[in-house]
N, C-alpha and C. Protein backbone atom coordinates (compact mmCIF):
# COMPACT_ATOMS: atom_id res chain seq x y z
N SER A 1 117.79 95.43 107.13
CA SER A 1 118.89 96.33 107.47
C SER A 1 119.24 97.22 106.30
N HIS A 2 119.19 96.64 105.07
CA HIS A 2 119.52 97.42 103.88
C HIS A 2 118.53 98.56 103.69
N TRP A 3 117.22 98.22 103.80
CA TRP A 3 116.21 99.25 103.60
C TRP A 3 116.21 100.27 104.74
N LEU A 4 116.53 99.82 105.94
CA LEU A 4 116.64 100.76 107.06
C LEU A 4 117.76 101.75 106.81
N ALA A 5 118.91 101.25 106.36
CA ALA A 5 120.04 102.13 106.08
C ALA A 5 119.69 103.12 104.97
N CYS A 6 118.99 102.63 103.94
CA CYS A 6 118.59 103.51 102.84
C CYS A 6 117.63 104.59 103.33
N GLY A 7 116.68 104.17 104.19
CA GLY A 7 115.72 105.13 104.73
C GLY A 7 116.39 106.18 105.58
N LEU A 8 117.34 105.77 106.42
CA LEU A 8 118.05 106.74 107.26
C LEU A 8 118.85 107.71 106.40
N TRP A 9 119.49 107.21 105.38
CA TRP A 9 120.27 108.07 104.49
C TRP A 9 119.37 109.08 103.78
N ALA A 10 118.21 108.61 103.30
CA ALA A 10 117.27 109.51 102.63
C ALA A 10 116.76 110.57 103.60
N SER A 11 116.52 110.17 104.87
CA SER A 11 116.02 111.14 105.85
C SER A 11 117.04 112.22 106.12
N LEU A 12 118.32 111.85 106.13
CA LEU A 12 119.38 112.84 106.34
C LEU A 12 119.39 113.88 105.22
N LEU A 13 119.05 113.43 104.02
CA LEU A 13 119.09 114.32 102.87
C LEU A 13 117.84 115.17 102.72
N LEU A 14 116.67 114.60 103.06
CA LEU A 14 115.41 115.23 102.71
C LEU A 14 114.65 115.86 103.88
N LEU A 15 114.84 115.34 105.07
CA LEU A 15 114.03 115.79 106.21
C LEU A 15 114.73 116.90 106.98
N PRO A 16 113.95 117.66 107.78
CA PRO A 16 114.59 118.62 108.69
C PRO A 16 115.58 117.90 109.60
N ARG A 17 116.63 118.62 109.99
CA ARG A 17 117.69 117.99 110.77
C ARG A 17 117.15 117.33 112.04
N GLY A 18 116.21 117.99 112.71
CA GLY A 18 115.65 117.44 113.94
C GLY A 18 114.93 116.14 113.72
N ALA A 19 114.16 116.06 112.63
CA ALA A 19 113.44 114.82 112.33
C ALA A 19 114.42 113.70 111.99
N ALA A 20 115.44 114.03 111.20
CA ALA A 20 116.43 113.03 110.83
C ALA A 20 117.14 112.48 112.05
N LEU A 21 117.47 113.36 113.00
CA LEU A 21 118.14 112.93 114.23
C LEU A 21 117.23 112.01 115.03
N ALA A 22 115.97 112.40 115.17
CA ALA A 22 115.01 111.58 115.94
C ALA A 22 114.83 110.21 115.30
N TYR A 23 114.64 110.19 113.99
CA TYR A 23 114.44 108.91 113.30
C TYR A 23 115.68 108.03 113.40
N GLY A 24 116.84 108.67 113.34
CA GLY A 24 118.07 107.90 113.48
C GLY A 24 118.20 107.27 114.85
N ILE A 25 117.88 108.03 115.90
CA ILE A 25 118.00 107.52 117.27
C ILE A 25 117.02 106.38 117.52
N PHE A 26 115.75 106.58 117.13
CA PHE A 26 114.75 105.54 117.40
C PHE A 26 114.99 104.30 116.54
N SER A 27 115.40 104.49 115.31
CA SER A 27 115.66 103.34 114.44
C SER A 27 116.87 102.56 114.91
N LEU A 28 117.95 103.24 115.24
CA LEU A 28 119.15 102.54 115.69
C LEU A 28 118.91 101.86 117.03
N SER A 29 118.11 102.48 117.89
CA SER A 29 117.78 101.85 119.17
C SER A 29 116.99 100.57 118.96
N GLY A 30 116.07 100.60 118.00
CA GLY A 30 115.34 99.37 117.67
C GLY A 30 116.25 98.32 117.07
N LEU A 31 117.19 98.76 116.25
CA LEU A 31 118.10 97.84 115.59
C LEU A 31 118.94 97.06 116.59
N VAL A 32 119.37 97.75 117.66
CA VAL A 32 120.17 97.07 118.69
C VAL A 32 119.28 96.49 119.79
N ARG A 33 117.94 96.59 119.57
CA ARG A 33 116.94 95.96 120.44
C ARG A 33 117.01 96.46 121.88
N MET A 34 117.10 97.79 122.01
CA MET A 34 116.98 98.41 123.32
C MET A 34 115.50 98.66 123.60
N PRO A 35 115.08 98.64 124.88
CA PRO A 35 113.71 99.04 125.19
C PRO A 35 113.42 100.46 124.70
N PHE A 36 112.16 100.73 124.38
CA PHE A 36 111.79 102.03 123.83
C PHE A 36 112.13 103.17 124.79
N THR A 37 111.99 102.92 126.08
CA THR A 37 112.33 103.96 127.05
C THR A 37 113.80 104.37 126.92
N ASN A 38 114.67 103.41 126.68
CA ASN A 38 116.09 103.73 126.48
C ASN A 38 116.28 104.59 125.24
N ALA A 39 115.50 104.28 124.18
CA ALA A 39 115.57 105.08 122.96
C ALA A 39 115.14 106.51 123.24
N TRP A 40 114.04 106.65 124.01
CA TRP A 40 113.59 108.00 124.34
C TRP A 40 114.64 108.72 125.19
N TRP A 41 115.25 108.02 126.15
CA TRP A 41 116.29 108.63 126.96
C TRP A 41 117.44 109.14 126.10
N ALA A 42 117.84 108.36 125.09
CA ALA A 42 118.91 108.80 124.19
C ALA A 42 118.52 110.09 123.48
N ALA A 43 117.27 110.16 123.05
CA ALA A 43 116.79 111.38 122.39
C ALA A 43 116.75 112.55 123.37
N PHE A 44 116.30 112.30 124.59
CA PHE A 44 116.21 113.35 125.61
C PHE A 44 117.61 113.90 125.94
N LEU A 45 118.57 113.02 126.10
CA LEU A 45 119.93 113.46 126.40
C LEU A 45 120.51 114.26 125.23
N ALA A 46 120.19 113.84 124.00
CA ALA A 46 120.65 114.60 122.83
C ALA A 46 120.05 116.01 122.83
N ALA A 47 118.77 116.11 123.22
CA ALA A 47 118.13 117.43 123.30
C ALA A 47 118.77 118.29 124.38
N LEU A 48 119.07 117.68 125.53
CA LEU A 48 119.72 118.43 126.62
C LEU A 48 121.10 118.92 126.21
N LEU A 49 121.75 118.18 125.31
CA LEU A 49 123.07 118.58 124.83
C LEU A 49 122.99 119.63 123.72
N GLY A 50 121.78 120.02 123.37
CA GLY A 50 121.61 121.07 122.38
C GLY A 50 121.60 120.60 120.94
N LEU A 51 121.47 119.29 120.72
CA LEU A 51 121.47 118.76 119.36
C LEU A 51 120.07 118.85 118.75
N GLY A 52 120.01 119.07 117.47
CA GLY A 52 118.74 118.94 116.75
C GLY A 52 117.87 120.17 116.68
N GLY A 53 118.03 121.13 117.60
CA GLY A 53 117.25 122.35 117.56
C GLY A 53 115.81 122.20 118.02
N PRO A 54 115.01 123.26 117.85
CA PRO A 54 113.61 123.25 118.34
C PRO A 54 112.75 122.15 117.74
N PHE A 55 112.95 121.82 116.47
CA PHE A 55 112.14 120.78 115.83
C PHE A 55 112.36 119.44 116.53
N PHE A 56 113.59 119.14 116.81
CA PHE A 56 113.92 117.89 117.51
C PHE A 56 113.35 117.89 118.91
N ARG A 57 113.43 119.04 119.60
CA ARG A 57 112.89 119.12 120.97
C ARG A 57 111.39 118.89 120.99
N GLY A 58 110.69 119.36 119.96
CA GLY A 58 109.25 119.12 119.87
C GLY A 58 108.94 117.64 119.73
N ILE A 59 109.74 116.93 118.94
CA ILE A 59 109.55 115.48 118.80
C ILE A 59 109.84 114.78 120.12
N VAL A 60 110.89 115.20 120.81
CA VAL A 60 111.24 114.62 122.11
C VAL A 60 110.11 114.84 123.12
N ALA A 61 109.49 116.02 123.09
CA ALA A 61 108.40 116.31 124.03
C ALA A 61 107.19 115.42 123.74
N CYS A 62 106.83 115.27 122.47
CA CYS A 62 105.70 114.39 122.11
C CYS A 62 105.99 112.96 122.54
N SER A 63 107.20 112.50 122.29
CA SER A 63 107.57 111.12 122.64
C SER A 63 107.65 110.94 124.16
N ALA A 64 107.98 112.01 124.88
CA ALA A 64 107.99 111.94 126.35
C ALA A 64 106.58 111.65 126.86
N ALA A 65 105.61 112.37 126.32
CA ALA A 65 104.22 112.16 126.74
C ALA A 65 103.78 110.73 126.47
N THR A 66 104.09 110.21 125.28
CA THR A 66 103.61 108.87 124.94
C THR A 66 104.39 107.78 125.67
N THR A 67 105.66 108.03 125.98
CA THR A 67 106.42 107.07 126.78
C THR A 67 105.79 106.91 128.15
N SER A 68 105.42 108.04 128.75
CA SER A 68 104.80 108.01 130.08
C SER A 68 103.40 107.40 130.02
N ILE A 69 102.63 107.77 129.01
CA ILE A 69 101.27 107.22 128.87
C ILE A 69 101.34 105.71 128.66
N GLY A 70 102.25 105.27 127.80
CA GLY A 70 102.36 103.84 127.54
C GLY A 70 102.75 103.04 128.76
N TRP A 71 103.73 103.56 129.52
CA TRP A 71 104.22 102.83 130.69
C TRP A 71 103.20 102.82 131.82
N TYR A 72 102.70 103.99 132.18
CA TYR A 72 101.79 104.03 133.32
C TYR A 72 100.40 103.48 132.96
N GLY A 73 100.03 103.60 131.69
CA GLY A 73 98.80 102.95 131.26
C GLY A 73 98.90 101.44 131.36
N THR A 74 100.06 100.91 130.98
CA THR A 74 100.29 99.47 131.10
C THR A 74 100.24 99.03 132.55
N ARG A 75 100.88 99.79 133.42
CA ARG A 75 100.87 99.44 134.85
C ARG A 75 99.46 99.48 135.43
N LEU A 76 98.64 100.39 134.93
CA LEU A 76 97.26 100.47 135.40
C LEU A 76 96.44 99.29 134.90
N LEU A 77 96.62 98.94 133.62
CA LEU A 77 95.84 97.86 133.02
C LEU A 77 96.34 96.47 133.44
N LEU A 78 97.67 96.34 133.61
CA LEU A 78 98.27 95.05 133.97
C LEU A 78 99.26 95.28 135.12
N PRO A 79 98.77 95.41 136.35
CA PRO A 79 99.64 95.75 137.47
C PRO A 79 100.79 94.77 137.70
N TRP A 80 100.63 93.51 137.30
CA TRP A 80 101.65 92.49 137.54
C TRP A 80 102.89 92.66 136.66
N VAL A 81 102.78 93.48 135.62
CA VAL A 81 103.90 93.65 134.69
C VAL A 81 105.13 94.23 135.39
N PHE A 82 104.93 95.13 136.33
CA PHE A 82 106.06 95.77 137.00
C PHE A 82 106.92 94.73 137.72
N LYS A 83 106.29 93.83 138.47
CA LYS A 83 107.05 92.80 139.18
C LYS A 83 107.74 91.85 138.20
N SER A 84 107.07 91.56 137.10
CA SER A 84 107.67 90.68 136.10
C SER A 84 108.93 91.30 135.51
N LEU A 85 108.90 92.60 135.26
CA LEU A 85 110.08 93.29 134.72
C LEU A 85 111.21 93.32 135.74
N LEU A 86 110.87 93.46 137.01
CA LEU A 86 111.91 93.39 138.05
C LEU A 86 112.58 92.02 138.04
N ASP A 87 111.78 90.98 137.87
CA ASP A 87 112.35 89.62 137.79
C ASP A 87 113.29 89.51 136.59
N THR A 88 112.81 89.99 135.43
CA THR A 88 113.58 89.84 134.19
C THR A 88 114.88 90.63 134.20
N TRP A 89 114.82 91.85 134.74
CA TRP A 89 115.97 92.75 134.61
C TRP A 89 116.85 92.83 135.85
N ILE A 90 116.37 92.33 136.98
CA ILE A 90 117.17 92.40 138.22
C ILE A 90 117.42 91.01 138.80
N PHE A 91 116.33 90.31 139.15
CA PHE A 91 116.49 89.07 139.93
C PHE A 91 117.03 87.91 139.09
N ASP A 92 116.55 87.74 137.88
CA ASP A 92 117.06 86.64 137.05
C ASP A 92 118.54 86.82 136.71
N PRO A 93 118.97 88.02 136.28
CA PRO A 93 120.42 88.19 136.03
C PRO A 93 121.26 88.01 137.29
N ALA A 94 120.73 88.46 138.44
CA ALA A 94 121.48 88.30 139.69
C ALA A 94 121.64 86.83 140.04
N ARG A 95 120.59 86.06 139.80
CA ARG A 95 120.65 84.63 140.11
C ARG A 95 121.69 83.92 139.21
N ARG A 96 121.83 84.40 137.99
CA ARG A 96 122.76 83.75 137.05
C ARG A 96 124.20 84.20 137.22
N TRP A 97 124.39 85.51 137.45
CA TRP A 97 125.75 86.04 137.32
C TRP A 97 126.32 86.70 138.58
N ALA A 98 125.48 87.10 139.50
CA ALA A 98 126.01 87.78 140.69
C ALA A 98 126.62 86.78 141.66
N PRO A 99 127.54 87.23 142.52
CA PRO A 99 128.05 86.34 143.57
C PRO A 99 126.90 85.78 144.40
N GLU A 100 127.09 84.59 144.91
CA GLU A 100 126.00 83.88 145.59
C GLU A 100 125.40 84.68 146.74
N GLN A 101 126.25 85.36 147.51
CA GLN A 101 125.74 86.12 148.66
C GLN A 101 124.87 87.28 148.19
N VAL A 102 125.29 87.95 147.12
CA VAL A 102 124.50 89.06 146.58
C VAL A 102 123.16 88.54 146.04
N SER A 103 123.21 87.44 145.32
CA SER A 103 121.99 86.85 144.77
C SER A 103 121.01 86.47 145.86
N LYS A 104 121.52 85.83 146.91
CA LYS A 104 120.64 85.41 148.01
C LYS A 104 120.03 86.61 148.72
N ALA A 105 120.82 87.67 148.90
CA ALA A 105 120.31 88.87 149.55
C ALA A 105 119.19 89.51 148.74
N LEU A 106 119.38 89.56 147.43
CA LEU A 106 118.35 90.13 146.55
C LEU A 106 117.09 89.28 146.57
N GLN A 107 117.27 87.95 146.52
CA GLN A 107 116.11 87.06 146.53
C GLN A 107 115.32 87.19 147.83
N ALA A 108 116.05 87.42 148.94
CA ALA A 108 115.38 87.58 150.24
C ALA A 108 114.54 88.86 150.27
N MET A 109 114.98 89.89 149.54
CA MET A 109 114.25 91.16 149.51
C MET A 109 113.12 91.18 148.49
N ARG A 110 113.08 90.17 147.66
CA ARG A 110 112.25 90.18 146.45
C ARG A 110 110.80 90.57 146.69
N HIS A 111 110.19 90.02 147.72
CA HIS A 111 108.76 90.26 147.93
C HIS A 111 108.48 91.16 149.14
N THR A 112 109.49 91.84 149.63
CA THR A 112 109.27 92.71 150.79
C THR A 112 108.65 94.04 150.36
N LYS A 113 107.87 94.60 151.26
CA LYS A 113 107.22 95.87 150.96
C LYS A 113 108.26 96.98 150.77
N GLY A 114 109.33 96.93 151.56
CA GLY A 114 110.36 97.96 151.46
C GLY A 114 111.03 97.97 150.09
N PHE A 115 111.33 96.77 149.58
CA PHE A 115 111.98 96.71 148.27
C PHE A 115 111.04 97.21 147.17
N MET A 116 109.77 96.80 147.21
CA MET A 116 108.83 97.24 146.18
C MET A 116 108.62 98.74 146.22
N THR A 117 108.59 99.31 147.43
CA THR A 117 108.46 100.76 147.55
C THR A 117 109.67 101.46 146.95
N THR A 118 110.87 100.93 147.25
CA THR A 118 112.10 101.49 146.69
C THR A 118 112.11 101.38 145.17
N ALA A 119 111.67 100.23 144.65
CA ALA A 119 111.65 100.03 143.21
C ALA A 119 110.69 101.00 142.53
N ARG A 120 109.55 101.24 143.15
CA ARG A 120 108.58 102.17 142.56
C ARG A 120 109.11 103.60 142.60
N LEU A 121 109.79 103.96 143.67
CA LEU A 121 110.40 105.29 143.74
C LEU A 121 111.50 105.44 142.69
N ALA A 122 112.31 104.40 142.53
CA ALA A 122 113.37 104.44 141.52
C ALA A 122 112.78 104.58 140.12
N ASP A 123 111.65 103.92 139.91
CA ASP A 123 111.01 103.99 138.59
C ASP A 123 110.57 105.40 138.25
N LEU A 124 110.24 106.19 139.26
CA LEU A 124 109.87 107.59 139.00
C LEU A 124 110.99 108.34 138.29
N PHE A 125 112.24 107.98 138.63
CA PHE A 125 113.40 108.65 138.03
C PHE A 125 113.73 108.08 136.65
N VAL A 126 113.13 106.96 136.30
CA VAL A 126 113.33 106.37 134.98
C VAL A 126 112.26 106.85 134.01
N HIS A 127 111.02 106.98 134.49
CA HIS A 127 109.90 107.31 133.60
C HIS A 127 109.28 108.66 133.91
N PHE A 128 108.64 108.80 135.07
CA PHE A 128 107.80 109.97 135.30
C PHE A 128 108.58 111.28 135.34
N ILE A 129 109.63 111.34 136.16
CA ILE A 129 110.34 112.61 136.34
C ILE A 129 111.01 113.09 135.06
N PRO A 130 111.77 112.23 134.35
CA PRO A 130 112.40 112.73 133.12
C PRO A 130 111.39 113.10 132.02
N THR A 131 110.31 112.32 131.88
CA THR A 131 109.34 112.67 130.84
C THR A 131 108.60 113.96 131.21
N ALA A 132 108.31 114.14 132.50
CA ALA A 132 107.66 115.38 132.94
C ALA A 132 108.59 116.57 132.71
N CYS A 133 109.88 116.39 133.01
CA CYS A 133 110.86 117.47 132.79
C CYS A 133 110.94 117.82 131.30
N ALA A 134 110.95 116.80 130.45
CA ALA A 134 111.01 117.04 129.01
C ALA A 134 109.80 117.85 128.54
N LEU A 135 108.62 117.50 129.07
CA LEU A 135 107.42 118.25 128.68
C LEU A 135 107.48 119.68 129.18
N LEU A 136 107.95 119.87 130.41
CA LEU A 136 108.07 121.23 130.95
C LEU A 136 109.07 122.06 130.14
N LEU A 137 110.16 121.43 129.76
CA LEU A 137 111.21 122.15 129.04
C LEU A 137 110.86 122.42 127.58
N TYR A 138 110.19 121.45 126.95
CA TYR A 138 110.07 121.50 125.50
C TYR A 138 108.64 121.54 124.97
N ALA A 139 107.65 121.65 125.84
CA ALA A 139 106.26 121.69 125.37
C ALA A 139 106.04 122.85 124.40
N SER A 140 106.73 123.96 124.63
CA SER A 140 106.56 125.12 123.75
C SER A 140 107.07 124.86 122.34
N ASP A 141 107.90 123.81 122.17
CA ASP A 141 108.43 123.47 120.84
C ASP A 141 107.52 122.52 120.07
N ILE A 142 106.43 122.07 120.72
CA ILE A 142 105.49 121.19 120.00
C ILE A 142 104.66 122.04 119.05
N THR A 143 104.69 121.68 117.79
CA THR A 143 103.88 122.32 116.76
C THR A 143 103.19 121.21 115.96
N ALA A 144 102.34 121.63 115.03
CA ALA A 144 101.69 120.64 114.18
C ALA A 144 102.74 119.84 113.40
N SER A 145 103.80 120.52 112.97
CA SER A 145 104.84 119.84 112.19
C SER A 145 105.64 118.86 113.03
N THR A 146 106.00 119.27 114.26
CA THR A 146 106.80 118.36 115.09
C THR A 146 105.96 117.18 115.56
N ALA A 147 104.68 117.41 115.86
CA ALA A 147 103.82 116.30 116.27
C ALA A 147 103.63 115.31 115.11
N LEU A 148 103.48 115.85 113.91
CA LEU A 148 103.36 114.98 112.74
C LEU A 148 104.65 114.19 112.52
N ALA A 149 105.79 114.85 112.72
CA ALA A 149 107.07 114.17 112.56
C ALA A 149 107.30 113.12 113.64
N ALA A 150 106.76 113.36 114.84
CA ALA A 150 106.92 112.40 115.94
C ALA A 150 106.06 111.16 115.76
N LEU A 151 105.01 111.29 114.96
CA LEU A 151 104.02 110.20 114.84
C LEU A 151 104.63 108.86 114.45
N PRO A 152 105.54 108.77 113.48
CA PRO A 152 106.04 107.45 113.09
C PRO A 152 107.23 106.93 113.91
N CYS A 153 107.65 107.66 114.94
CA CYS A 153 108.88 107.26 115.65
C CYS A 153 108.79 105.86 116.24
N ASN A 154 107.64 105.54 116.86
CA ASN A 154 107.57 104.22 117.49
C ASN A 154 107.42 103.10 116.46
N ILE A 155 106.81 103.41 115.31
CA ILE A 155 106.71 102.40 114.25
C ILE A 155 108.09 102.16 113.63
N MET A 156 108.88 103.22 113.49
CA MET A 156 110.25 103.06 113.00
C MET A 156 111.06 102.20 113.97
N TYR A 157 110.88 102.47 115.26
CA TYR A 157 111.56 101.68 116.28
C TYR A 157 111.16 100.20 116.14
N TRP A 158 109.85 99.95 116.06
CA TRP A 158 109.35 98.58 115.96
C TRP A 158 109.87 97.89 114.71
N ALA A 159 109.82 98.58 113.57
CA ALA A 159 110.28 97.98 112.31
C ALA A 159 111.76 97.64 112.39
N ALA A 160 112.54 98.51 113.06
CA ALA A 160 113.98 98.28 113.16
C ALA A 160 114.32 97.08 114.03
N THR A 161 113.41 96.71 114.94
CA THR A 161 113.67 95.54 115.79
C THR A 161 113.58 94.23 115.00
N GLY A 162 112.97 94.29 113.82
CA GLY A 162 112.79 93.08 113.03
C GLY A 162 111.60 92.25 113.45
N SER A 163 110.74 92.83 114.29
CA SER A 163 109.56 92.10 114.77
C SER A 163 108.55 91.92 113.64
N SER A 164 107.80 90.83 113.71
CA SER A 164 106.75 90.61 112.71
C SER A 164 105.38 91.00 113.23
N THR A 165 105.22 91.09 114.55
CA THR A 165 103.98 91.56 115.16
C THR A 165 104.32 92.53 116.28
N LEU A 166 103.35 93.33 116.69
CA LEU A 166 103.59 94.25 117.80
C LEU A 166 103.95 93.48 119.07
N ALA A 167 103.31 92.34 119.26
CA ALA A 167 103.56 91.54 120.47
C ALA A 167 104.98 91.01 120.53
N ASP A 168 105.65 90.92 119.38
CA ASP A 168 107.05 90.47 119.38
C ASP A 168 107.96 91.42 120.14
N THR A 169 107.48 92.63 120.41
CA THR A 169 108.25 93.58 121.21
C THR A 169 108.63 92.97 122.55
N ASN A 170 107.81 92.05 123.03
CA ASN A 170 108.09 91.45 124.33
C ASN A 170 109.35 90.60 124.33
N LEU A 171 109.86 90.24 123.16
CA LEU A 171 111.14 89.53 123.10
C LEU A 171 112.27 90.41 123.63
N ILE A 172 112.08 91.72 123.58
CA ILE A 172 113.06 92.67 124.13
C ILE A 172 112.83 92.86 125.62
N TYR A 173 111.58 92.97 126.03
CA TYR A 173 111.27 93.29 127.43
C TYR A 173 111.31 92.06 128.33
N GLY A 174 110.86 90.92 127.84
CA GLY A 174 110.91 89.71 128.62
C GLY A 174 109.87 89.59 129.71
N VAL A 175 108.70 90.20 129.51
CA VAL A 175 107.62 90.07 130.49
C VAL A 175 107.09 88.64 130.45
N LYS A 176 106.91 88.04 131.64
CA LYS A 176 106.42 86.67 131.74
C LYS A 176 105.24 86.61 132.72
N PRO A 177 104.14 85.98 132.30
CA PRO A 177 103.85 85.44 130.97
C PRO A 177 103.65 86.56 129.95
N ASP A 178 103.58 86.21 128.68
CA ASP A 178 103.39 87.23 127.65
C ASP A 178 102.12 88.03 127.93
N PRO A 179 102.22 89.36 127.88
CA PRO A 179 101.02 90.18 128.07
C PRO A 179 100.02 89.94 126.96
N PRO A 180 98.74 90.18 127.20
CA PRO A 180 97.74 90.06 126.13
C PRO A 180 98.06 91.04 125.00
N GLU A 181 97.68 90.66 123.80
CA GLU A 181 98.06 91.46 122.62
C GLU A 181 97.48 92.87 122.65
N PHE A 182 96.35 93.07 123.33
CA PHE A 182 95.74 94.39 123.32
C PHE A 182 96.66 95.44 123.93
N ILE A 183 97.55 95.02 124.84
CA ILE A 183 98.39 96.01 125.51
C ILE A 183 99.38 96.64 124.53
N TRP A 184 99.84 95.84 123.56
CA TRP A 184 100.76 96.40 122.56
C TRP A 184 100.02 97.34 121.62
N ALA A 185 98.78 97.02 121.30
CA ALA A 185 97.97 97.94 120.51
C ALA A 185 97.75 99.25 121.26
N PHE A 186 97.55 99.14 122.59
CA PHE A 186 97.39 100.34 123.42
C PHE A 186 98.67 101.18 123.42
N ILE A 187 99.83 100.53 123.60
CA ILE A 187 101.09 101.27 123.68
C ILE A 187 101.42 101.95 122.35
N TYR A 188 101.40 101.16 121.27
CA TYR A 188 101.74 101.73 119.97
C TYR A 188 100.65 102.68 119.47
N GLY A 189 99.40 102.27 119.65
CA GLY A 189 98.30 103.12 119.20
C GLY A 189 98.18 104.40 120.00
N GLY A 190 98.54 104.33 121.30
CA GLY A 190 98.49 105.53 122.13
C GLY A 190 99.46 106.60 121.63
N HIS A 191 100.63 106.16 121.20
CA HIS A 191 101.60 107.11 120.64
C HIS A 191 101.04 107.77 119.38
N LEU A 192 100.50 106.95 118.49
CA LEU A 192 99.96 107.49 117.24
C LEU A 192 98.80 108.45 117.52
N ALA A 193 97.93 108.06 118.45
CA ALA A 193 96.77 108.89 118.76
C ALA A 193 97.18 110.21 119.38
N PHE A 194 98.11 110.17 120.34
CA PHE A 194 98.54 111.42 120.98
C PHE A 194 99.15 112.37 119.97
N CYS A 195 100.04 111.85 119.12
CA CYS A 195 100.71 112.71 118.15
C CYS A 195 99.71 113.29 117.15
N ALA A 196 98.73 112.48 116.74
CA ALA A 196 97.71 112.96 115.80
C ALA A 196 96.86 114.05 116.44
N VAL A 197 96.46 113.86 117.70
CA VAL A 197 95.66 114.87 118.40
C VAL A 197 96.47 116.15 118.61
N ALA A 198 97.74 116.00 119.00
CA ALA A 198 98.60 117.17 119.19
C ALA A 198 98.78 117.93 117.89
N CYS A 199 98.95 117.21 116.80
CA CYS A 199 99.10 117.83 115.49
C CYS A 199 97.85 118.63 115.13
N PHE A 200 96.69 118.02 115.32
CA PHE A 200 95.42 118.68 115.00
C PHE A 200 95.19 119.90 115.88
N ALA A 201 95.47 119.74 117.19
CA ALA A 201 95.25 120.84 118.13
C ALA A 201 96.16 122.03 117.81
N CYS A 202 97.43 121.74 117.49
CA CYS A 202 98.36 122.81 117.16
C CYS A 202 97.96 123.50 115.85
N ALA A 203 97.48 122.72 114.88
CA ALA A 203 97.03 123.31 113.62
C ALA A 203 95.83 124.24 113.83
N LEU A 204 94.94 123.85 114.76
CA LEU A 204 93.75 124.67 115.03
C LEU A 204 94.12 126.04 115.58
N ILE A 205 95.18 126.08 116.40
CA ILE A 205 95.56 127.37 117.00
C ILE A 205 96.64 128.08 116.18
N GLY A 206 96.93 127.55 115.01
CA GLY A 206 97.89 128.19 114.12
C GLY A 206 99.33 127.98 114.48
N LYS A 207 99.61 126.96 115.30
CA LYS A 207 100.99 126.68 115.69
C LYS A 207 101.52 125.56 114.80
N VAL A 208 101.92 125.97 113.60
CA VAL A 208 102.33 124.97 112.62
C VAL A 208 103.84 124.85 112.53
């Protein structure tokens, strides 16, 4: 926590305002152990409110692409993860804390085709639609500099969670059983790879 605070303070002094804002949002989100998608949402809402300027919007756009790639890539590679997350974030809490009638009603819907279709449609509004909107709105703000600045955002998030391995991220998400370790390498590595490619591509066309 001490070194994180020192790093955030140094970023405020030395980095462009947009980069400092992005690093602050992702680091603080990791510190309070929010899912990465929530961290990206916080950054997206800050961009919609006009905070951070074009540099920040470029970082938000890069992170939008990698948030979507990480989530839908995971669903493609491990289709069972979606149902596991529904259990962790909806059905298990309902069983513990919701009134008995509400809990029983939810449990009855748990494996129905209608509920799963509704859940998948709702997920579009959590991941696909907002990340696509961010790319449409802010893709023009992606430059070699913003892509390079976006590159460490997910590592900052991970470091702030206090995890010792990438797989420890699952302590936040609660997927059961634990996903194979390669999926975390795919999620974190995909972000780094996308940002590196975007940085190189923008540099080639002189968009620095």
